[in-house]
């Protein structure tokens, strides 16, 4: 089910705040989804939202320590 949704909403899609699916998964602590998204792109460490935050910084700010470790 998740891979089909990634096809519908590519990993490069950004919302009005510049957040990607990785930012949202990291913020919400969805480690399984985040792991899948990381495997689909090599840009994980360079994707920034409008605040200049990468998914890693988003995870740390949200207290999602497991997501930050990924």
PDB file of N, CA and C in Angstrom:
ATOM      1  N   UNK A   1       0.814  -1.189   0.000  1.00  0.00           N
ATOM      2  CA  UNK A   1       0.000   0.000   0.000  1.00  0.00           C
ATOM      3  C   UNK A   1       0.865   1.263   0.000  1.00  0.00           C
ATOM      4  N   UNK A   2       1.912   1.308   0.790  1.00  0.00           N
ATOM      5  CA  UNK A   2       2.755   2.503   0.856  1.00  0.00           C
ATOM      6  C   UNK A   2       3.459   2.770  -0.477  1.00  0.00           C
ATOM      7  N   UNK A   3       4.076   1.761  -1.136  1.00  0.00           N
ATOM      8  CA  UNK A   3       4.741   2.053  -2.410  1.00  0.00           C
ATOM      9  C   UNK A   3       3.809   2.677  -3.452  1.00  0.00           C
ATOM     10  N   UNK A   4       2.539   2.264  -3.479  1.00  0.00           N
ATOM     11  CA  UNK A   4       1.595   2.845  -4.422  1.00  0.00           C
ATOM     12  C   UNK A   4       1.379   4.325  -4.127  1.00  0.00           C
ATOM     13  N   UNK A   5       1.325   4.683  -2.869  1.00  0.00           N
ATOM     14  CA  UNK A   5       1.117   6.084  -2.500  1.00  0.00           C
ATOM     15  C   UNK A   5       2.336   6.932  -2.851  1.00  0.00           C
ATOM     16  N   UNK A   6       3.519   6.350  -2.775  1.00  0.00           N
ATOM     17  CA  UNK A   6       4.725   7.094  -3.143  1.00  0.00           C
ATOM     18  C   UNK A   6       4.695   7.417  -4.627  1.00  0.00           C
ATOM     19  N   UNK A   7       4.168   6.513  -5.437  1.00  0.00           N
ATOM     20  CA  UNK A   7       4.046   6.766  -6.862  1.00  0.00           C
ATOM     21  C   UNK A   7       3.102   7.936  -7.106  1.00  0.00           C
ATOM     22  N   UNK A   8       2.051   8.013  -6.318  1.00  0.00           N
ATOM     23  CA  UNK A   8       1.079   9.088  -6.463  1.00  0.00           C
ATOM     24  C   UNK A   8       1.666  10.411  -5.972  1.00  0.00           C
ATOM     25  N   UNK A   9       2.371  10.389  -4.867  1.00  0.00           N
ATOM     26  CA  UNK A   9       2.978  11.595  -4.290  1.00  0.00           C
ATOM     27  C   UNK A   9       4.482  11.379  -4.218  1.00  0.00           C
ATOM     28  N   UNK A  10       5.222  11.749  -5.274  1.00  0.00           N
ATOM     29  CA  UNK A  10       6.664  11.497  -5.309  1.00  0.00           C
ATOM     30  C   UNK A  10       7.409  12.114  -4.124  1.00  0.00           C
ATOM     31  N   UNK A  11       8.557  11.573  -3.842  1.00  0.00           N
ATOM     32  CA  UNK A  11       9.343  12.031  -2.695  1.00  0.00           C
ATOM     33  C   UNK A  11       9.800  13.473  -2.841  1.00  0.00           C
ATOM     34  N   UNK A  12       9.777  14.015  -4.040  1.00  0.00           N
ATOM     35  CA  UNK A  12      10.209  15.399  -4.242  1.00  0.00           C
ATOM     36  C   UNK A  12       9.079  16.411  -4.048  1.00  0.00           C
ATOM     37  N   UNK A  13       7.854  15.955  -3.877  1.00  0.00           N
ATOM     38  CA  UNK A  13       6.715  16.860  -3.690  1.00  0.00           C
ATOM     39  C   UNK A  13       6.898  17.677  -2.412  1.00  0.00           C
ATOM     40  N   UNK A  14       6.581  18.977  -2.477  1.00  0.00           N
ATOM     41  CA  UNK A  14       6.647  19.842  -1.293  1.00  0.00           C
ATOM     42  C   UNK A  14       5.312  20.548  -1.108  1.00  0.00           C
ATOM     43  N   UNK A  15       4.909  20.704   0.152  1.00  0.00           N
ATOM     44  CA  UNK A  15       3.691  21.459   0.441  1.00  0.00           C
ATOM     45  C   UNK A  15       4.028  22.952   0.504  1.00  0.00           C
ATOM     46  N   UNK A  16       3.073  23.777   0.905  1.00  0.00           N
ATOM     47  CA  UNK A  16       3.288  25.231   0.931  1.00  0.00           C
ATOM     48  C   UNK A  16       4.376  25.662   1.910  1.00  0.00           C
ATOM     49  N   UNK A  17       4.676  24.820   2.894  1.00  0.00           N
ATOM     50  CA  UNK A  17       5.742  25.123   3.859  1.00  0.00           C
ATOM     51  C   UNK A  17       7.074  24.504   3.452  1.00  0.00           C
ATOM     52  N   UNK A  18       7.112  23.917   2.257  1.00  0.00           N
ATOM     53  CA  UNK A  18       8.337  23.309   1.766  1.00  0.00           C
ATOM     54  C   UNK A  18       8.624  21.944   2.354  1.00  0.00           C
ATOM     55  N   UNK A  19       7.649  21.368   3.046  1.00  0.00           N
ATOM     56  CA  UNK A  19       7.851  20.063   3.681  1.00  0.00           C
ATOM     57  C   UNK A  19       7.639  18.945   2.666  1.00  0.00           C
ATOM     58  N   UNK A  20       8.557  17.989   2.680  1.00  0.00           N
ATOM     59  CA  UNK A  20       8.429  16.803   1.844  1.00  0.00           C
ATOM     60  C   UNK A  20       7.795  15.685   2.670  1.00  0.00           C
ATOM     61  N   UNK A  21       7.535  14.572   2.013  1.00  0.00           N
ATOM     62  CA  UNK A  21       7.020  13.412   2.738  1.00  0.00           C
ATOM     63  C   UNK A  21       8.004  12.976   3.819  1.00  0.00           C
ATOM     64  N   UNK A  22       9.298  13.146   3.551  1.00  0.00           N
ATOM     65  CA  UNK A  22      10.307  12.791   4.559  1.00  0.00           C
ATOM     66  C   UNK A  22      10.198  13.678   5.787  1.00  0.00           C
ATOM     67  N   UNK A  23       9.989  14.974   5.587  1.00  0.00           N
ATOM     68  CA  UNK A  23       9.822  15.885   6.721  1.00  0.00           C
ATOM     69  C   UNK A  23       8.637  15.447   7.582  1.00  0.00           C
ATOM     70  N   UNK A  24       7.526  15.130   6.936  1.00  0.00           N
ATOM     71  CA  UNK A  24       6.322  14.756   7.682  1.00  0.00           C
ATOM     72  C   UNK A  24       6.507  13.429   8.410  1.00  0.00           C
ATOM     73  N   UNK A  25       7.093  12.438   7.731  1.00  0.00           N
ATOM     74  CA  UNK A  25       7.320  11.142   8.373  1.00  0.00           C
ATOM     75  C   UNK A  25       8.282  11.287   9.551  1.00  0.00           C
ATOM     76  N   UNK A  26       9.321  12.095   9.383  1.00  0.00           N
ATOM     77  CA  UNK A  26      10.295  12.313  10.463  1.00  0.00           C
ATOM     78  C   UNK A  26       9.642  13.014  11.643  1.00  0.00           C
ATOM     79  N   UNK A  27       8.838  14.038  11.352  1.00  0.00           N
ATOM     80  CA  UNK A  27       8.187  14.813  12.415  1.00  0.00           C
ATOM     81  C   UNK A  27       7.203  13.961  13.204  1.00  0.00           C
ATOM     82  N   UNK A  28       6.490  13.079  12.508  1.00  0.00           N
ATOM     83  CA  UNK A  28       5.456  12.274  13.155  1.00  0.00           C
ATOM     84  C   UNK A  28       5.981  10.946  13.698  1.00  0.00           C
ATOM     85  N   UNK A  29       7.272  10.660  13.472  1.00  0.00           N
ATOM     86  CA  UNK A  29       7.872   9.443  14.002  1.00  0.00           C
ATOM     87  C   UNK A  29       7.469   8.174  13.275  1.00  0.00           C
ATOM     88  N   UNK A  30       7.116   8.297  11.996  1.00  0.00           N
ATOM     89  CA  UNK A  30       6.753   7.123  11.197  1.00  0.00           C
ATOM     90  C   UNK A  30       8.026   6.523  10.595  1.00  0.00           C
ATOM     91  N   UNK A  31       8.752   5.789  11.419  1.00  0.00           N
ATOM     92  CA  UNK A  31      10.063   5.268  11.030  1.00  0.00           C
ATOM     93  C   UNK A  31      10.006   4.335   9.829  1.00  0.00           C
ATOM     94  N   UNK A  32       8.965   3.489   9.753  1.00  0.00           N
ATOM     95  CA  UNK A  32       8.862   2.555   8.634  1.00  0.00           C
ATOM     96  C   UNK A  32       8.693   3.299   7.313  1.00  0.00           C
ATOM     97  N   UNK A  33       7.878   4.338   7.310  1.00  0.00           N
ATOM     98  CA  UNK A  33       7.676   5.136   6.102  1.00  0.00           C
ATOM     99  C   UNK A  33       8.947   5.919   5.784  1.00  0.00           C
ATOM    100  N   UNK A  34       9.570   6.484   6.785  1.00  0.00           N
ATOM    101  CA  UNK A  34      10.803   7.243   6.583  1.00  0.00           C
ATOM    102  C   UNK A  34      11.900   6.353   5.998  1.00  0.00           C
ATOM    103  N   UNK A  35      12.022   5.154   6.508  1.00  0.00           N
ATOM    104  CA  UNK A  35      13.026   4.207   6.002  1.00  0.00           C
ATOM    105  C   UNK A  35      12.783   3.930   4.510  1.00  0.00           C
ATOM    106  N   UNK A  36      11.519   3.739   4.137  1.00  0.00           N
ATOM    107  CA  UNK A  36      11.172   3.487   2.740  1.00  0.00           C
ATOM    108  C   UNK A  36      11.502   4.701   1.870  1.00  0.00           C
ATOM    109  N   UNK A  37      11.161   5.884   2.336  1.00  0.00           N
ATOM    110  CA  UNK A  37      11.444   7.103   1.576  1.00  0.00           C
ATOM    111  C   UNK A  37      12.944   7.325   1.404  1.00  0.00           C
ATOM    112  N   UNK A  38      13.714   7.050   2.440  1.00  0.00           N
ATOM    113  CA  UNK A  38      15.172   7.191   2.356  1.00  0.00           C
ATOM    114  C   UNK A  38      15.735   6.240   1.304  1.00  0.00           C
ATOM    115  N   UNK A  39      15.177   5.038   1.227  1.00  0.00           N
ATOM    116  CA  UNK A  39      15.663   4.071   0.238  1.00  0.00           C
ATOM    117  C   UNK A  39      15.312   4.490  -1.192  1.00  0.00           C
ATOM    118  N   UNK A  40      14.341   5.383  -1.342  1.00  0.00           N
ATOM    119  CA  UNK A  40      13.897   5.822  -2.665  1.00  0.00           C
ATOM    120  C   UNK A  40      14.640   7.051  -3.190  1.00  0.00           C
ATOM    121  N   UNK A  41      15.393   7.742  -2.352  1.00  0.00           N
ATOM    122  CA  UNK A  41      16.078   8.958  -2.806  1.00  0.00           C
ATOM    123  C   UNK A  41      17.456   9.086  -2.166  1.00  0.00           C
ATOM    124  N   UNK A  42      18.349   9.703  -2.890  1.00  0.00           N
ATOM    125  CA  UNK A  42      19.688   9.965  -2.343  1.00  0.00           C
ATOM    126  C   UNK A  42      19.785  11.399  -1.819  1.00  0.00           C
ATOM    127  N   UNK A  43      18.673  12.141  -1.869  1.00  0.00           N
ATOM    128  CA  UNK A  43      18.676  13.548  -1.486  1.00  0.00           C
ATOM    129  C   UNK A  43      18.201  13.790  -0.058  1.00  0.00           C
ATOM    130  N   UNK A  44      18.094  12.776   0.747  1.00  0.00           N
ATOM    131  CA  UNK A  44      17.509  12.908   2.086  1.00  0.00           C
ATOM    132  C   UNK A  44      18.177  13.992   2.918  1.00  0.00           C
ATOM    133  N   UNK A  45      19.473  14.116   2.821  1.00  0.00           N
ATOM    134  CA  UNK A  45      20.179  15.075   3.675  1.00  0.00           C
ATOM    135  C   UNK A  45      20.167  16.500   3.125  1.00  0.00           C
ATOM    136  N   UNK A  46      19.672  16.689   1.897  1.00  0.00           N
ATOM    137  CA  UNK A  46      19.678  18.027   1.309  1.00  0.00           C
ATOM    138  C   UNK A  46      18.287  18.631   1.137  1.00  0.00           C
ATOM    139  N   UNK A  47      17.245  17.870   1.407  1.00  0.00           N
ATOM    140  CA  UNK A  47      15.882  18.385   1.268  1.00  0.00           C
ATOM    141  C   UNK A  47      15.588  19.355   2.399  1.00  0.00           C
ATOM    142  N   UNK A  48      15.261  20.595   2.060  1.00  0.00           N
ATOM    143  CA  UNK A  48      14.993  21.598   3.097  1.00  0.00           C
ATOM    144  C   UNK A  48      13.597  22.184   2.939  1.00  0.00           C
ATOM    145  N   UNK A  49      12.989  22.462   4.077  1.00  0.00           N
ATOM    146  CA  UNK A  49      11.701  23.141   4.060  1.00  0.00           C
ATOM    147  C   UNK A  49      11.936  24.651   4.004  1.00  0.00           C
ATOM    148  N   UNK A  50      10.874  25.445   4.096  1.00  0.00           N
ATOM    149  CA  UNK A  50      11.028  26.900   3.994  1.00  0.00           C
ATOM    150  C   UNK A  50      11.782  27.498   5.177  1.00  0.00           C
ATOM    151  N   UNK A  51      11.921  26.750   6.261  1.00  0.00           N
ATOM    152  CA  UNK A  51      12.695  27.203   7.428  1.00  0.00           C
ATOM    153  C   UNK A  51      14.150  26.759   7.348  1.00  0.00           C
ATOM    154  N   UNK A  52      14.521  26.105   6.243  1.00  0.00           N
ATOM    155  CA  UNK A  52      15.887  25.645   6.065  1.00  0.00           C
ATOM    156  C   UNK A  52      16.206  24.373   6.824  1.00  0.00           C
ATOM    157  N   UNK A  53      15.182  23.630   7.217  1.00  0.00           N
ATOM    158  CA  UNK A  53      15.388  22.404   7.993  1.00  0.00           C
ATOM    159  C   UNK A  53      15.349  21.167   7.103  1.00  0.00           C
ATOM    160  N   UNK A  54      16.282  20.277   7.350  1.00  0.00           N
ATOM    161  CA  UNK A  54      16.270  18.974   6.702  1.00  0.00           C
ATOM    162  C   UNK A  54      15.335  18.055   7.488  1.00  0.00           C
ATOM    163  N   UNK A  55      14.979  16.897   6.934  1.00  0.00           N
ATOM    164  CA  UNK A  55      14.168  15.949   7.702  1.00  0.00           C
ATOM    165  C   UNK A  55      14.814  15.571   9.039  1.00  0.00           C
ATOM    166  N   UNK A  56      16.142  15.495   9.088  1.00  0.00           N
ATOM    167  CA  UNK A  56      16.836  15.180  10.340  1.00  0.00           C
ATOM    168  C   UNK A  56      16.555  16.246  11.395  1.00  0.00           C
ATOM    169  N   UNK A  57      16.690  17.503  11.037  1.00  0.00           N
ATOM    170  CA  UNK A  57      16.421  18.580  11.996  1.00  0.00           C
ATOM    171  C   UNK A  57      14.956  18.594  12.424  1.00  0.00           C
ATOM    172  N   UNK A  58      14.072  18.268  11.492  1.00  0.00           N
ATOM    173  CA  UNK A  58      12.646  18.198  11.811  1.00  0.00           C
ATOM    174  C   UNK A  58      12.392  17.109  12.844  1.00  0.00           C
ATOM    175  N   UNK A  59      13.030  15.946  12.665  1.00  0.00           N
ATOM    176  CA  UNK A  59      12.869  14.838  13.615  1.00  0.00           C
ATOM    177  C   UNK A  59      13.392  15.224  14.992  1.00  0.00           C
ATOM    178  N   UNK A  60      14.547  15.864  15.037  1.00  0.00           N
ATOM    179  CA  UNK A  60      15.136  16.277  16.317  1.00  0.00           C
ATOM    180  C   UNK A  60      14.233  17.286  17.018  1.00  0.00           C
ATOM    181  N   UNK A  61      13.750  18.280  16.275  1.00  0.00           N
ATOM    182  CA  UNK A  61      12.880  19.303  16.851  1.00  0.00           C
ATOM    183  C   UNK A  61      11.594  18.696  17.413  1.00  0.00           C
ATOM    184  N   UNK A  62      11.072  17.668  16.733  1.00  0.00           N
ATOM    185  CA  UNK A  62       9.825  17.034  17.158  1.00  0.00           C
ATOM    186  C   UNK A  62      10.041  15.998  18.258  1.00  0.00           C
ATOM    187  N   UNK A  63      11.301  15.712  18.581  1.00  0.00           N
ATOM    188  CA  UNK A  63      11.586  14.710  19.605  1.00  0.00           C
ATOM    189  C   UNK A  63      11.447  13.284  19.104  1.00  0.00           C
ATOM    190  N   UNK A  64      11.508  13.107  17.791  1.00  0.00           N
ATOM    191  CA  UNK A  64      11.407  11.772  17.195  1.00  0.00           C
ATOM    192  C   UNK A  64      12.803  11.168  17.108  1.00  0.00           C
ATOM    193  N   UNK A  65      13.316  10.712  18.237  1.00  0.00           N
ATOM    194  CA  UNK A  65      14.704  10.242  18.293  1.00  0.00           C
ATOM    195  C   UNK A  65      14.953   9.038  17.396  1.00  0.00           C
ATOM    196  N   UNK A  66      14.006   8.121  17.280  1.00  0.00           N
ATOM    197  CA  UNK A  66      14.200   6.969  16.397  1.00  0.00           C
ATOM    198  C   UNK A  66      14.326   7.407  14.949  1.00  0.00           C
ATOM    199  N   UNK A  67      13.510   8.372  14.536  1.00  0.00           N
ATOM    200  CA  UNK A  67      13.589   8.887  13.168  1.00  0.00           C
ATOM    201  C   UNK A  67      14.919   9.584  12.934  1.00  0.00           C
ATOM    202  N   UNK A  68      15.417  10.293  13.914  1.00  0.00           N
ATOM    203  CA  UNK A  68      16.688  11.004  13.774  1.00  0.00           C
ATOM    204  C   UNK A  68      17.848  10.031  13.592  1.00  0.00           C
ATOM    205  N   UNK A  69      17.756   8.868  14.193  1.00  0.00           N
ATOM    206  CA  UNK A  69      18.820   7.866  14.089  1.00  0.00           C
ATOM    207  C   UNK A  69      18.907   7.292  12.682  1.00  0.00           C
ATOM    208  N   UNK A  70      17.772   7.196  11.994  1.00  0.00           N
ATOM    209  CA  UNK A  70      17.770   6.634  10.643  1.00  0.00           C
ATOM    210  C   UNK A  70      18.648   7.464   9.738  1.00  0.00           C
TER     211      UNK A  70
END
